Amino acid sequence: MIEPGARPLALVTGASRGIGAAVELADAVADVDRLDVLVHSAGIGPLGTVEESPAEQWRQTFEINVVAVAELTRLLLPALRAARGRVV
């Protein structure tokens, strides 16, 4: 629920480069105390066949597309709950 006079606050993930790798995740969201919407739009999808894709590529893809999403959501749960926010 948005307080009267407060503007909704949204965080949209995603960038054209690896900027997320340059900051520590917990530090980046430490000061967020209210969040109305968290939109997960970052991800990777390497091209190639299963035969051509080494295990490390699968691990990196899983880490970015699943683990990072879950960890960011976990870190922001208190702020999302405070605002009765949504995750997309």
Protein backbone atom coordinates (compact mmCIF):
# COMPACT_ATOMS: atom_id res chain seq x y z
CA MET A 1 0.00 0.00 0.00
CA ILE A 2 1.43 3.35 -1.03
CA GLU A 3 1.35 6.03 1.64
CA PRO A 4 -0.56 9.21 0.75
CA GLY A 5 1.74 11.59 -1.09
CA ALA A 6 4.40 8.92 -1.69
CA ARG A 7 5.33 8.01 -5.22
CA PRO A 8 5.42 4.31 -6.12
CA LEU A 9 8.93 2.92 -6.19
CA ALA A 10 9.96 0.28 -8.72
CA LEU A 11 13.22 -1.52 -9.37
CA VAL A 12 13.73 -2.92 -12.85
CA THR A 13 16.70 -5.23 -13.34
CA GLY A 14 18.59 -5.55 -16.57
CA ALA A 15 21.30 -3.75 -18.46
CA SER A 16 23.03 -4.01 -21.76
CA ARG A 17 26.31 -5.01 -20.12
CA GLY A 18 27.54 -6.66 -16.95
CA ILE A 19 27.09 -3.65 -14.68
CA GLY A 20 25.54 -5.84 -12.01
CA ALA A 21 28.79 -7.73 -11.66
CA ALA A 22 30.56 -4.50 -10.71
CA VAL A 23 28.60 -3.92 -7.47
CA GLU A 24 27.97 -6.11 -4.45
CA LEU A 25 24.27 -7.08 -4.47
CA ALA A 26 23.60 -6.69 -0.74
CA ASP A 27 25.27 -3.27 -0.63
CA ALA A 28 23.31 -2.08 -3.66
CA VAL A 29 19.93 -2.70 -2.01
CA ALA A 30 20.85 -2.06 1.64
CA ASP A 31 19.13 1.33 1.80
CA VAL A 32 15.89 0.25 0.12
CA ASP A 33 13.25 0.20 2.85
CA ARG A 34 10.10 0.28 0.69
CA LEU A 35 9.58 -1.18 -2.75
CA ASP A 36 6.28 -1.35 -4.61
CA VAL A 37 7.40 -3.35 -7.64
CA LEU A 38 10.41 -5.51 -8.44
CA VAL A 39 10.64 -6.35 -12.15
CA HIS A 40 13.15 -9.04 -13.10
CA SER A 41 14.08 -8.39 -16.72
CA ALA A 42 17.76 -9.32 -16.71
CA GLY A 43 18.92 -12.62 -18.06
CA ILE A 44 21.12 -14.33 -20.57
CA GLY A 45 20.47 -16.90 -23.24
CA PRO A 46 23.68 -18.09 -24.85
CA LEU A 47 23.27 -19.39 -28.37
CA GLY A 48 24.43 -22.83 -29.38
CA THR A 49 23.45 -26.45 -29.26
CA VAL A 50 23.59 -28.63 -26.18
CA GLU A 51 26.48 -30.46 -27.82
CA GLU A 52 28.43 -27.19 -28.20
CA SER A 53 27.61 -25.79 -24.74
CA PRO A 54 30.08 -26.64 -21.98
CA ALA A 55 28.94 -27.25 -18.42
CA GLU A 56 30.41 -23.91 -17.28
CA GLN A 57 28.10 -22.06 -19.68
CA TRP A 58 25.09 -23.87 -18.19
CA ARG A 59 26.29 -23.02 -14.67
CA GLN A 60 26.70 -19.33 -15.55
CA THR A 61 23.29 -19.21 -17.21
CA PHE A 62 21.63 -20.83 -14.17
CA GLU A 63 23.50 -18.52 -11.78
CA ILE A 64 22.36 -15.39 -13.61
CA ASN A 65 18.83 -16.42 -14.58
CA VAL A 66 17.82 -18.26 -11.39
CA VAL A 67 20.15 -17.79 -8.42
CA ALA A 68 20.64 -14.02 -8.88
CA VAL A 69 16.88 -13.50 -9.26
CA ALA A 70 16.12 -15.48 -6.11
CA GLU A 71 18.84 -13.72 -4.11
CA LEU A 72 17.75 -10.23 -5.15
CA THR A 73 14.15 -11.07 -4.30
CA ARG A 74 15.23 -12.49 -0.92
CA LEU A 75 17.23 -9.36 -0.08
CA LEU A 76 14.33 -7.09 -1.02
CA LEU A 77 11.56 -9.05 0.73
CA PRO A 78 11.43 -6.74 3.77
CA ALA A 79 11.01 -3.68 1.50
CA LEU A 80 8.44 -5.46 -0.66
CA ARG A 81 6.49 -6.60 2.39
CA ALA A 82 6.57 -3.09 3.89
CA ALA A 83 4.90 -1.74 0.74
CA ARG A 84 2.81 -4.84 0.07
CA GLY A 85 4.72 -4.85 -3.20
CA ARG A 86 4.76 -7.21 -6.13
CA VAL A 87 7.44 -9.18 -7.98
CA VAL A 88 7.20 -9.55 -11.74
